[in-house]
Amino acid sequence: MTTAAAPSRTESKTTEHFDVLIVGAGISGVGGAYHLTTQRPGTSFVVLEGLDGFGGTWWMHRYPGIRSDSDLHTSGYRFKPWVGPPIATAEEILAYMGEVIEENDLAQHIRYNHRITNARWSNEDKRWTIEATQTDTGEPRRFTANFLWMCQGYYRHAEGYTPEWPGMADFEGEIIHPQTWPEDLDYRGKRVIVIGSGATTATVVPAIAADVEHVTVLQRSPTYFIPGRNRNDLAETLRELDVDETWIHEIVRRKILHDQALFTKRCLEEPEKVKRELLDGVRQYLPDDFDMETHFSPTYRPWRQRIAFVPEGDIFKGLASGKASIMTDGIERFTPSGILLKSGEELVADIIVTATGFNMNVMGDINFEVDGDPVDFSKTVTYRGMMFTGVPNMLWVFGYFRASWTLRADLLADFVCRLLAHMERKGAKQVNAQLRPEDAEMELLPWIDPQNFNPGYLMRALPLLPKRGDKPEWQHTQDYWREKDEIPGIDLDGAEFVYS
């Protein structure tokens, strides 16, 4: 294994070499660093992070009330118990990740403010060359690596997604996207409109409701929520019995995953019954005469888009109290004083928050080349949503929509460590994923079936994403309950892997 960085004698910039280069110090990247340290001691690696701190989403987003929208018993790592409330704040999540970094001495491997622009693979040298800019100094940086581990997440950090509505330039107040929330924004006593109906809206609205004059949720169509107590009774009972936190973590994770599997199955097999149950959960927080049909009854079946957990039903309590209100309507145009709706009604505001989602990037907006030829990922076929035909020695972490992202990050980290060990035993320096003879006539399809899962950010990016096949090996099944057994059981000498 490579144990020391070596300067290039032929180029003006110093080139550092590592066995593995991890892109991103968010949940996946920090987890990957831990697994390399524990499963592959002696492997040299570096983590390059474009931001100035670890945490990814939880470091970058600063909007009021930012919190997880799923439980931290499964969003946390399998190797470190989560001891806080199931739905956690960004501050709590960052503290947890900071403990992982400190306890495992990972800080020495992480380089912040390193924005990668280019990644070039050479079949002759059998290594990646990565060009980056150190954003705090403007200096160029170059690295080479035997293996590239893409843990950069799936959306563009620099900007969120805001549709272009007529008249936006006419609005005399402030237009804010949560992804770039100004730290000095004063919303006290102001009239605020929050456009959107997802987890961000459900977070921002209760966080600001007490301080604003009034906040209005404006949604084009309703979405599903699961309100409930921010407490896991099983975990608390086990703590009362003085059960070790490591055991509690594993038991609670298994129980949550068991319940999630049943819920997902029911969403597919009895969607109308599940819909009624979800709406009943919301209804208990609202007045009897509240218009549930208009504002909280989606037209799609449950789990076709992500469902956010709402701790203590806080956004619904705001609606019931009168500090917040909700409108379900289309936007005709922005006006100097607010928004004119399709119905003809005008909403007046001092601040408009566009909680309208984000823009996906594909592989971190990095320019990829293989032997000098640009890589168009939309022309590749994905191997289980983690490797790509024609792109050697690289793995991409993309998590689950219906289960926690971290579950797949842990699974794929095991796979990377196993693959590297397998290559070492074979004396191979390169591995490619390739279609097998029996896949020659396989129909190539969009990366995900829109009938299965179709949030706006994914549909907008679908033309840029790799293709999938109609066999499990050539698709991201989005099914943790299958992959937890299938991925550890992958035959690394199967015909889909070519070593050299």
Protein backbone atom coordinates (compact mmCIF):
# COMPACT_ATOMS: atom_id res chain seq x y z
CA MET A 1 0.00 0.00 0.00
CA THR A 2 1.09 3.59 -0.54
CA THR A 3 2.09 5.15 2.76
CA ALA A 4 3.52 8.54 1.84
CA ALA A 5 2.75 11.36 -0.53
CA ALA A 6 5.22 11.79 -3.36
CA PRO A 7 5.92 15.07 -5.18
CA SER A 8 5.87 15.07 -8.95
CA ARG A 9 9.23 15.96 -10.45
CA THR A 10 7.88 16.84 -13.85
CA GLU A 11 5.18 19.36 -12.97
CA SER A 12 5.23 22.76 -11.30
CA LYS A 13 2.50 21.81 -8.81
CA THR A 14 3.16 19.27 -6.08
CA THR A 15 1.17 16.10 -6.65
CA GLU A 16 0.15 14.04 -3.65
CA HIS A 17 -0.71 10.38 -4.15
CA PHE A 18 -3.13 8.25 -2.12
CA ASP A 19 -4.59 4.80 -2.39
CA VAL A 20 -8.10 6.23 -2.06
CA LEU A 21 -9.47 9.73 -2.53
CA ILE A 22 -12.86 10.44 -0.93
CA VAL A 23 -14.87 13.35 -2.31
CA GLY A 24 -16.89 15.06 0.43
CA ALA A 25 -16.83 15.20 4.24
CA GLY A 26 -20.55 14.79 4.80
CA ILE A 27 -22.28 11.75 6.28
CA SER A 28 -20.99 9.41 3.54
CA GLY A 29 -17.44 10.74 3.40
CA VAL A 30 -16.83 10.73 7.15
CA GLY A 31 -18.35 7.26 7.33
CA GLY A 32 -16.11 6.10 4.49
CA ALA A 33 -13.05 7.46 6.28
CA TYR A 34 -14.03 5.54 9.42
CA HIS A 35 -14.50 2.28 7.52
CA LEU A 36 -11.18 2.61 5.70
CA THR A 37 -9.43 3.27 9.01
CA THR A 38 -10.99 0.26 10.74
CA GLN A 39 -11.34 -2.23 7.89
CA ARG A 40 -8.30 -1.28 5.81
CA PRO A 41 -5.55 -0.13 8.22
CA GLY A 42 -2.49 0.98 6.27
CA THR A 43 -4.53 2.31 3.33
CA SER A 44 -3.51 5.87 2.58
CA PHE A 45 -6.44 8.16 1.88
CA VAL A 46 -7.53 11.78 1.82
CA VAL A 47 -10.97 13.38 2.07
CA LEU A 48 -11.45 16.53 -0.03
CA GLU A 49 -14.29 18.80 1.07
CA GLY A 50 -15.35 21.93 -0.82
CA LEU A 51 -16.90 23.60 2.24
CA ASP A 52 -14.99 24.94 5.23
CA GLY A 53 -16.29 22.33 7.65
CA PHE A 54 -17.59 18.76 7.84
CA GLY A 55 -21.23 17.76 7.71
CA GLY A 56 -22.35 18.55 4.15
CA THR A 57 -26.06 19.41 4.34
CA TRP A 58 -25.88 20.01 8.07
CA TRP A 59 -22.94 22.38 7.76
CA MET A 60 -24.16 24.35 4.76
CA HIS A 61 -27.84 24.87 5.59
CA ARG A 62 -28.41 27.64 8.15
CA TYR A 63 -32.14 28.30 7.88
CA PRO A 64 -34.17 28.55 11.09
CA GLY A 65 -35.02 25.30 12.82
CA ILE A 66 -33.02 23.06 10.48
CA ARG A 67 -33.46 19.45 11.55
CA SER A 68 -33.57 15.92 10.19
CA ASP A 69 -36.76 14.70 8.55
CA SER A 70 -36.14 11.06 9.50
CA ASP A 71 -34.95 9.31 12.64
CA LEU A 72 -31.32 9.47 13.75
CA HIS A 73 -31.28 5.89 14.98
CA THR A 74 -31.03 4.90 11.30
CA SER A 75 -29.62 8.16 9.94
CA GLY A 76 -26.79 7.77 12.41
CA TYR A 77 -23.96 5.36 11.70
CA ARG A 78 -24.37 1.71 12.61
CA PHE A 79 -21.06 1.83 14.49
CA LYS A 80 -21.85 4.74 16.82
CA PRO A 81 -24.98 4.77 18.99
CA TRP A 82 -27.35 7.71 18.72
CA VAL A 83 -28.46 8.77 22.20
CA GLY A 84 -30.48 11.89 21.43
CA PRO A 85 -34.07 12.43 20.24
CA PRO A 86 -35.06 10.66 17.00
CA ILE A 87 -35.51 13.92 15.07
CA ALA A 88 -32.36 15.96 15.61
CA THR A 89 -31.21 19.49 14.95
CA ALA A 90 -28.31 20.26 12.64
CA GLU A 91 -26.28 21.26 15.69
CA GLU A 92 -26.89 17.86 17.32
CA ILE A 93 -25.99 16.00 14.13
CA LEU A 94 -22.77 17.99 13.67
CA ALA A 95 -21.80 17.29 17.28
CA TYR A 96 -22.34 13.57 16.66
CA MET A 97 -20.22 13.64 13.49
CA GLY A 98 -17.56 15.64 15.29
CA GLU A 99 -17.33 12.87 17.89
CA VAL A 100 -16.85 10.30 15.12
CA ILE A 101 -14.01 12.37 13.67
CA GLU A 102 -12.35 12.96 17.05
CA GLU A 103 -12.74 9.44 18.41
CA ASN A 104 -11.21 7.90 15.28
CA ASP A 105 -8.55 10.53 14.58
CA LEU A 106 -10.02 11.31 11.16
CA ALA A 107 -9.27 15.05 11.10
CA GLN A 108 -5.73 14.38 9.83
CA HIS A 109 -7.22 12.97 6.62
CA ILE A 110 -9.66 15.79 5.79
CA ARG A 111 -8.79 18.83 3.63
CA TYR A 112 -11.43 21.56 3.72
CA ASN A 113 -11.96 24.31 1.12
CA HIS A 114 -10.87 21.98 -1.69
CA ARG A 115 -13.19 22.29 -4.67
CA ILE A 116 -12.55 19.62 -7.29
CA THR A 117 -12.86 20.68 -10.93
CA ASN A 118 -11.44 17.76 -12.93
CA ALA A 119 -10.90 14.03 -12.52
CA ARG A 120 -8.96 12.16 -15.22
CA TRP A 121 -8.43 8.41 -15.36
CA SER A 122 -5.45 6.93 -17.22
CA ASN A 123 -5.67 3.29 -18.31
CA GLU A 124 -1.90 3.30 -18.80
CA ASP A 125 -1.08 4.59 -15.32
CA LYS A 126 -4.16 2.99 -13.75
CA ARG A 127 -4.84 5.95 -11.54
CA TRP A 128 -6.94 9.07 -11.21
CA THR A 129 -5.55 12.58 -11.42
CA ILE A 130 -7.69 15.07 -9.53
CA GLU A 131 -7.41 18.82 -9.99
CA ALA A 132 -8.75 21.05 -7.23
CA THR A 133 -8.69 24.65 -6.09
CA GLN A 134 -8.10 25.57 -2.48
CA THR A 135 -10.88 28.12 -2.23
CA ASP A 136 -9.58 30.04 0.78
CA THR A 137 -6.26 30.81 -0.96
CA GLY A 138 -7.09 30.37 -4.66
CA GLU A 139 -4.17 27.96 -5.07
CA PRO A 140 -4.43 24.96 -7.41
CA ARG A 141 -3.99 21.49 -5.93
CA ARG A 142 -3.32 18.18 -7.64
CA PHE A 143 -3.76 14.66 -6.32
CA THR A 144 -3.50 11.19 -7.78
CA ALA A 145 -5.35 8.18 -6.42
CA ASN A 146 -5.79 4.52 -7.22
CA PHE A 147 -9.48 4.61 -6.32
CA LEU A 148 -12.05 7.41 -6.30
CA TRP A 149 -14.90 7.31 -3.78
CA MET A 150 -17.66 9.82 -4.60
CA CYS A 151 -19.36 10.87 -1.34
CA GLN A 152 -20.27 14.40 -2.40
CA GLY A 153 -24.04 14.11 -1.99
CA TYR A 154 -26.53 14.76 -4.71
CA TYR A 155 -27.40 18.44 -4.87
CA ARG A 156 -25.65 21.63 -5.83
CA HIS A 157 -24.44 23.50 -2.76
CA ALA A 158 -24.07 26.90 -4.35
CA GLU A 159 -27.72 27.43 -5.18
CA GLY A 160 -31.17 26.02 -4.52
CA TYR A 161 -33.92 25.54 -7.07
CA THR A 162 -36.25 28.49 -7.52
CA PRO A 163 -38.67 28.51 -10.48
CA GLU A 164 -38.83 31.65 -12.61
CA TRP A 165 -42.17 33.31 -11.97
CA PRO A 166 -43.35 36.41 -13.83
CA GLY A 167 -42.81 39.64 -11.95
CA MET A 168 -40.18 38.45 -9.49
CA ALA A 169 -38.10 41.57 -10.17
CA ASP A 170 -41.12 43.71 -9.26
CA PHE A 171 -41.37 42.43 -5.70
CA GLU A 172 -40.18 45.14 -3.33
CA GLY A 173 -39.38 42.82 -0.42
CA GLU A 174 -36.76 40.09 -0.06
CA ILE A 175 -36.80 36.73 -1.86
CA ILE A 176 -34.88 34.06 0.07
CA HIS A 177 -34.05 30.44 -0.71
CA PRO A 178 -33.50 28.36 2.46
CA GLN A 179 -30.29 26.91 1.05
CA THR A 180 -28.70 30.39 1.08
CA TRP A 181 -30.48 31.87 4.10
CA PRO A 182 -28.79 35.18 5.09
CA GLU A 183 -27.48 35.05 8.65
CA ASP A 184 -28.56 38.66 9.24
CA LEU A 185 -32.14 38.27 7.93
CA ASP A 186 -34.53 40.00 10.33
CA TYR A 187 -38.00 38.51 9.98
CA ARG A 188 -39.37 39.72 13.32
CA GLY A 189 -42.78 41.35 12.92
CA LYS A 190 -42.72 40.74 9.15
CA ARG A 191 -45.29 39.14 6.86
CA VAL A 192 -43.74 36.03 5.35
CA ILE A 193 -44.81 33.68 2.55
CA VAL A 194 -43.13 30.28 2.38
CA ILE A 195 -43.57 28.66 -1.05
CA GLY A 196 -43.42 24.88 -0.89
CA SER A 197 -44.92 21.89 0.85
CA GLY A 198 -42.02 19.65 1.83
CA ALA A 199 -39.77 19.03 4.81
CA THR A 200 -38.07 22.44 4.59
CA THR A 201 -41.40 24.25 4.80
CA ALA A 202 -42.41 22.03 7.72
CA THR A 203 -39.19 23.08 9.45
CA VAL A 204 -39.02 26.81 8.70
CA VAL A 205 -42.65 27.69 9.41
CA PRO A 206 -42.81 26.58 13.07
CA ALA A 207 -39.32 27.98 13.68
CA ILE A 208 -40.29 31.53 12.66
CA ALA A 209 -44.02 31.59 13.46
CA ALA A 210 -43.65 33.02 16.98
CA ASP A 211 -41.56 35.98 15.76
CA VAL A 212 -43.28 37.04 12.53
CA GLU A 213 -46.50 38.99 12.16
CA HIS A 214 -47.88 36.10 10.10
CA VAL A 215 -46.52 33.31 7.92
CA THR A 216 -48.43 31.82 4.98
CA VAL A 217 -47.61 28.46 3.46
CA LEU A 218 -48.27 28.63 -0.28
CA GLN A 219 -48.30 25.26 -2.00
CA ARG A 220 -49.20 24.20 -5.51
CA SER A 221 -50.31 20.80 -4.24
CA PRO A 222 -50.39 18.97 -0.90
CA THR A 223 -47.85 16.48 0.44
CA TYR A 224 -47.86 13.77 3.10
CA PHE A 225 -46.53 14.17 6.64
CA ILE A 226 -46.19 11.90 9.65
CA PRO A 227 -46.68 13.87 12.88
CA GLY A 228 -45.74 12.35 16.21
CA ARG A 229 -43.80 12.62 19.43
CA ASN A 230 -40.07 13.21 19.13
CA ARG A 231 -39.30 10.24 21.34
CA ASN A 232 -38.65 6.56 20.82
CA ASP A 233 -40.45 4.67 23.57
CA LEU A 234 -38.51 1.46 22.98
CA ALA A 235 -35.17 3.26 23.39
CA GLU A 236 -36.34 4.96 26.57
CA THR A 237 -37.63 1.70 28.05
CA LEU A 238 -34.33 -0.05 27.33
CA ARG A 239 -32.47 2.83 28.99
CA GLU A 240 -34.64 2.45 32.08
CA LEU A 241 -33.48 -1.17 32.15
CA ASP A 242 -29.82 -0.03 31.99
CA VAL A 243 -29.24 -1.77 28.66
CA ASP A 244 -25.95 -0.79 27.03
CA GLU A 245 -26.33 2.02 24.45
CA THR A 246 -24.69 -0.13 21.77
CA TRP A 247 -27.40 -2.75 22.23
CA ILE A 248 -30.12 -0.10 22.34
CA HIS A 249 -28.86 1.39 19.08
CA GLU A 250 -28.96 -1.93 17.27
CA ILE A 251 -32.31 -3.06 18.70
CA VAL A 252 -34.04 0.26 17.95
CA ARG A 253 -32.56 0.39 14.44
CA ARG A 254 -33.88 -3.09 13.70
CA LYS A 255 -37.33 -2.26 15.04
CA ILE A 256 -37.52 0.99 13.01
CA LEU A 257 -36.37 -0.77 9.85
CA HIS A 258 -38.86 -3.58 10.40
CA ASP A 259 -41.69 -1.06 10.79
CA GLN A 260 -40.52 0.92 7.74
CA ALA A 261 -40.51 -2.21 5.60
CA LEU A 262 -44.09 -2.98 6.58
CA PHE A 263 -45.15 0.62 5.97
CA THR A 264 -43.56 0.70 2.50
CA LYS A 265 -45.24 -2.61 1.61
CA ARG A 266 -48.60 -1.24 2.74
CA CYS A 267 -48.13 1.95 0.69
CA LEU A 268 -47.87 -0.21 -2.41
CA GLU A 269 -50.56 -2.75 -1.55
CA GLU A 270 -53.20 -0.65 0.23
CA PRO A 271 -52.43 3.00 -0.60
CA GLU A 272 -55.92 4.36 0.11
CA LYS A 273 -55.97 2.90 3.61
CA VAL A 274 -52.50 4.28 4.37
CA LYS A 275 -53.55 7.67 2.99
CA ARG A 276 -56.52 7.79 5.38
CA GLU A 277 -54.26 6.91 8.30
CA LEU A 278 -51.76 9.64 7.39
CA LEU A 279 -54.48 12.25 7.03
CA ASP A 280 -56.03 11.18 10.34
CA GLY A 281 -52.64 11.77 11.96
CA VAL A 282 -52.61 15.36 10.69
CA ARG A 283 -56.29 15.95 11.40
CA GLN A 284 -55.87 15.43 15.14
CA TYR A 285 -53.85 18.67 15.35
CA LEU A 286 -56.29 20.83 13.37
CA PRO A 287 -59.77 22.27 13.99
CA ASP A 288 -62.72 20.12 12.98
CA ASP A 289 -63.69 22.49 10.15
CA PHE A 290 -60.20 22.64 8.61
CA ASP A 291 -60.22 21.96 4.85
CA MET A 292 -58.17 18.77 4.84
CA GLU A 293 -59.23 17.80 1.33
CA THR A 294 -57.76 20.94 -0.23
CA HIS A 295 -54.60 21.38 1.82
CA PHE A 296 -53.44 17.94 3.01
CA SER A 297 -54.84 15.34 0.58
CA PRO A 298 -52.25 14.59 -2.13
CA THR A 299 -53.34 13.15 -5.47
CA TYR A 300 -50.48 10.61 -5.52
CA ARG A 301 -50.16 7.45 -3.44
CA PRO A 302 -48.04 7.56 -0.26
CA TRP A 303 -44.26 7.18 -0.69
CA ARG A 304 -44.15 8.26 -4.32
CA GLN A 305 -42.38 11.23 -2.81
CA ARG A 306 -40.51 11.48 0.47
CA ILE A 307 -42.63 11.75 3.63
CA ALA A 308 -41.34 14.04 6.36
CA PHE A 309 -41.78 13.35 10.06
CA VAL A 310 -43.13 16.38 11.93
CA PRO A 311 -42.10 16.26 15.60
CA GLU A 312 -44.94 17.11 17.97
CA GLY A 313 -46.98 18.20 14.92
CA ASP A 314 -45.48 21.68 15.32
CA ILE A 315 -46.40 23.11 11.91
CA PHE A 316 -50.02 21.98 12.33
CA LYS A 317 -50.17 23.56 15.78
CA GLY A 318 -49.10 26.83 14.14
CA LEU A 319 -51.93 26.54 11.63
CA ALA A 320 -54.42 25.81 14.41
CA SER A 321 -53.25 28.81 16.46
CA GLY A 322 -53.68 31.30 13.61
CA LYS A 323 -50.02 32.38 13.55
CA ALA A 324 -49.69 30.48 10.28
CA SER A 325 -52.08 29.83 7.41
CA ILE A 326 -52.01 27.72 4.27
CA MET A 327 -53.06 28.39 0.68
CA THR A 328 -53.21 25.73 -2.03
CA ASP A 329 -53.15 27.56 -5.34
CA GLY A 330 -51.00 28.36 -8.35
CA ILE A 331 -48.89 31.49 -8.75
CA GLU A 332 -49.99 33.88 -11.47
CA ARG A 333 -47.21 36.38 -10.88
CA PHE A 334 -45.26 38.26 -8.27
CA THR A 335 -46.38 41.82 -7.55
CA PRO A 336 -44.59 44.72 -5.84
CA SER A 337 -46.32 43.80 -2.58
CA GLY A 338 -46.52 40.02 -2.78
CA ILE A 339 -47.95 37.23 -4.95
CA LEU A 340 -51.04 37.18 -7.16
CA LEU A 341 -52.59 33.71 -7.19
CA LYS A 342 -54.29 31.94 -10.07
CA SER A 343 -57.57 32.33 -8.18
CA GLY A 344 -57.19 36.12 -8.29
CA GLU A 345 -56.39 36.55 -4.60
CA GLU A 346 -53.24 38.48 -3.67
CA LEU A 347 -50.99 37.52 -0.75
CA VAL A 348 -49.07 40.42 0.76
CA ALA A 349 -45.57 39.87 2.14
CA ASP A 350 -42.36 41.53 3.24
CA ILE A 351 -40.32 38.35 2.74
CA ILE A 352 -40.90 35.44 0.35
CA VAL A 353 -39.10 32.17 1.08
CA THR A 354 -38.83 29.81 -1.88
CA ALA A 355 -38.66 26.38 -0.21
CA THR A 356 -38.99 24.88 -3.67
CA GLY A 357 -36.26 22.25 -3.60
CA PHE A 358 -32.77 21.97 -4.95
CA ASN A 359 -30.78 21.29 -8.09
CA MET A 360 -29.12 17.90 -8.38
CA ASN A 361 -25.59 17.73 -9.56
CA VAL A 362 -24.13 14.69 -11.23
CA MET A 363 -20.87 13.58 -9.67
CA GLY A 364 -20.27 16.89 -7.92
CA ASP A 365 -20.24 18.95 -11.13
CA ILE A 366 -16.74 17.59 -11.76
CA ASN A 367 -15.44 17.19 -15.30
CA PHE A 368 -14.57 13.52 -15.76
CA GLU A 369 -12.33 12.01 -18.43
CA VAL A 370 -11.17 8.49 -19.22
CA ASP A 371 -8.02 8.43 -21.35
CA GLY A 372 -8.75 11.98 -22.51
CA ASP A 373 -12.36 11.35 -23.50
CA PRO A 374 -15.04 13.25 -21.55
CA VAL A 375 -17.41 11.02 -19.58
CA ASP A 376 -21.12 11.50 -20.21
CA PHE A 377 -22.70 9.65 -17.33
CA SER A 378 -26.07 9.58 -19.09
CA LYS A 379 -24.45 7.22 -21.63
CA THR A 380 -23.28 4.80 -18.94
CA VAL A 381 -25.20 2.01 -17.24
CA THR A 382 -25.19 1.87 -13.49
CA TYR A 383 -24.06 -1.23 -11.62
CA ARG A 384 -26.40 -1.32 -8.59
CA GLY A 385 -26.44 2.47 -8.51
CA MET A 386 -22.81 2.64 -7.37
CA MET A 387 -20.49 1.90 -10.32
CA PHE A 388 -20.70 2.81 -14.01
CA THR A 389 -19.79 1.03 -17.21
CA GLY A 390 -16.67 2.50 -18.76
CA VAL A 391 -15.54 4.33 -15.59
CA PRO A 392 -12.84 2.32 -13.75
CA ASN A 393 -11.95 2.34 -10.05
CA MET A 394 -14.77 4.57 -8.89
CA LEU A 395 -17.75 4.17 -6.61
CA TRP A 396 -20.64 6.61 -6.08
CA VAL A 397 -22.67 6.76 -2.90
CA PHE A 398 -26.34 7.50 -3.47
CA GLY A 399 -28.58 6.61 -0.56
CA TYR A 400 -32.21 5.64 -0.15
CA PHE A 401 -35.36 7.69 -0.61
CA ARG A 402 -37.56 5.53 1.63
CA ALA A 403 -34.95 4.78 4.26
CA SER A 404 -32.05 6.71 5.72
CA TRP A 405 -29.16 7.70 3.45
CA THR A 406 -26.61 6.44 5.97
CA LEU A 407 -27.84 2.86 5.74
CA ARG A 408 -26.56 2.63 2.18
CA ALA A 409 -23.43 4.65 2.94
CA ASP A 410 -22.46 1.99 5.48
CA LEU A 411 -23.32 -0.88 3.10
CA LEU A 412 -21.27 0.61 0.25
CA ALA A 413 -18.35 1.35 2.55
CA ASP A 414 -18.20 -2.36 3.37
CA PHE A 415 -18.31 -3.10 -0.35
CA VAL A 416 -15.44 -0.70 -1.15
CA CYS A 417 -13.25 -2.22 1.56
CA ARG A 418 -14.05 -5.74 0.35
CA LEU A 419 -13.40 -4.78 -3.28
CA LEU A 420 -10.04 -3.19 -2.46
CA ALA A 421 -8.99 -6.29 -0.53
CA HIS A 422 -10.09 -8.51 -3.42
CA MET A 423 -8.08 -6.47 -5.92
CA GLU A 424 -5.06 -6.66 -3.67
CA ARG A 425 -5.30 -10.47 -3.46
CA LYS A 426 -5.65 -10.72 -7.25
CA GLY A 427 -2.78 -8.29 -7.88
CA ALA A 428 -5.21 -6.14 -9.90
CA LYS A 429 -4.86 -2.38 -10.17
CA GLN A 430 -8.05 -1.74 -12.13
CA VAL A 431 -11.66 -2.87 -11.99
CA ASN A 432 -14.38 -2.07 -14.53
CA ALA A 433 -18.09 -2.80 -14.38
CA GLN A 434 -19.26 -4.15 -17.75
CA LEU A 435 -22.43 -5.59 -19.22
CA ARG A 436 -22.35 -9.37 -19.47
CA PRO A 437 -23.18 -11.35 -22.62
CA GLU A 438 -26.63 -12.11 -21.20
CA ASP A 439 -27.19 -8.33 -20.85
CA ALA A 440 -26.59 -7.55 -24.52
CA GLU A 441 -30.29 -7.23 -25.41
CA MET A 442 -31.31 -5.68 -22.10
CA GLU A 443 -33.54 -2.64 -22.41
CA LEU A 444 -31.96 0.52 -21.00
CA LEU A 445 -34.29 2.67 -18.93
CA PRO A 446 -34.16 5.97 -17.01
CA TRP A 447 -32.18 5.83 -13.77
CA ILE A 448 -35.36 5.46 -11.70
CA ASP A 449 -38.95 4.59 -12.56
CA PRO A 450 -41.02 7.79 -12.24
CA GLN A 451 -44.03 5.67 -11.30
CA ASN A 452 -42.07 4.48 -8.30
CA PHE A 453 -40.55 7.74 -7.05
CA ASN A 454 -40.81 11.13 -8.76
CA PRO A 455 -39.81 14.24 -6.77
CA GLY A 456 -39.20 17.33 -8.88
CA TYR A 457 -35.44 17.53 -8.34
CA LEU A 458 -35.01 13.98 -9.60
CA MET A 459 -37.25 14.41 -12.63
CA ARG A 460 -35.37 17.58 -13.65
CA ALA A 461 -32.04 15.75 -13.48
CA LEU A 462 -33.12 12.45 -15.04
CA PRO A 463 -31.64 13.20 -18.50
CA LEU A 464 -28.19 13.64 -16.88
CA LEU A 465 -28.20 10.45 -14.82
CA PRO A 466 -26.94 6.99 -15.81
CA LYS A 467 -29.22 4.41 -17.35
CA ARG A 468 -30.54 1.34 -15.55
CA GLY A 469 -31.40 -2.10 -16.85
CA ASP A 470 -34.29 -4.41 -16.03
CA LYS A 471 -32.13 -6.68 -13.84
CA PRO A 472 -31.20 -6.03 -10.20
CA GLU A 473 -27.49 -5.83 -11.02
CA TRP A 474 -28.08 -2.84 -13.28
CA GLN A 475 -30.29 -0.62 -11.16
CA HIS A 476 -30.48 1.15 -7.82
CA THR A 477 -33.40 -0.75 -6.35
CA GLN A 478 -33.98 1.78 -3.54
CA ASP A 479 -34.75 -1.26 -1.41
CA TYR A 480 -32.58 -1.43 1.70
CA TRP A 481 -34.29 -4.62 2.86
CA ARG A 482 -33.03 -6.42 -0.26
CA GLU A 483 -29.66 -4.71 -0.51
CA LYS A 484 -28.65 -5.40 3.09
CA ASP A 485 -28.35 -9.05 2.01
CA GLU A 486 -27.54 -8.68 -1.69
CA ILE A 487 -24.62 -6.23 -1.52
CA PRO A 488 -22.60 -8.22 1.05
CA GLY A 489 -23.27 -11.31 -1.07
CA ILE A 490 -21.99 -9.85 -4.38
CA ASP A 491 -19.62 -12.26 -6.15
CA LEU A 492 -16.59 -10.08 -6.86
CA ASP A 493 -15.44 -12.58 -9.48
CA GLY A 494 -18.73 -12.33 -11.34
CA ALA A 495 -18.76 -11.64 -15.08
CA GLU A 496 -19.80 -8.02 -14.47
CA PHE A 497 -16.35 -7.24 -13.01
CA VAL A 498 -13.26 -7.01 -15.24
CA TYR A 499 -9.87 -6.77 -13.52
CA SER A 500 -6.50 -5.84 -14.93
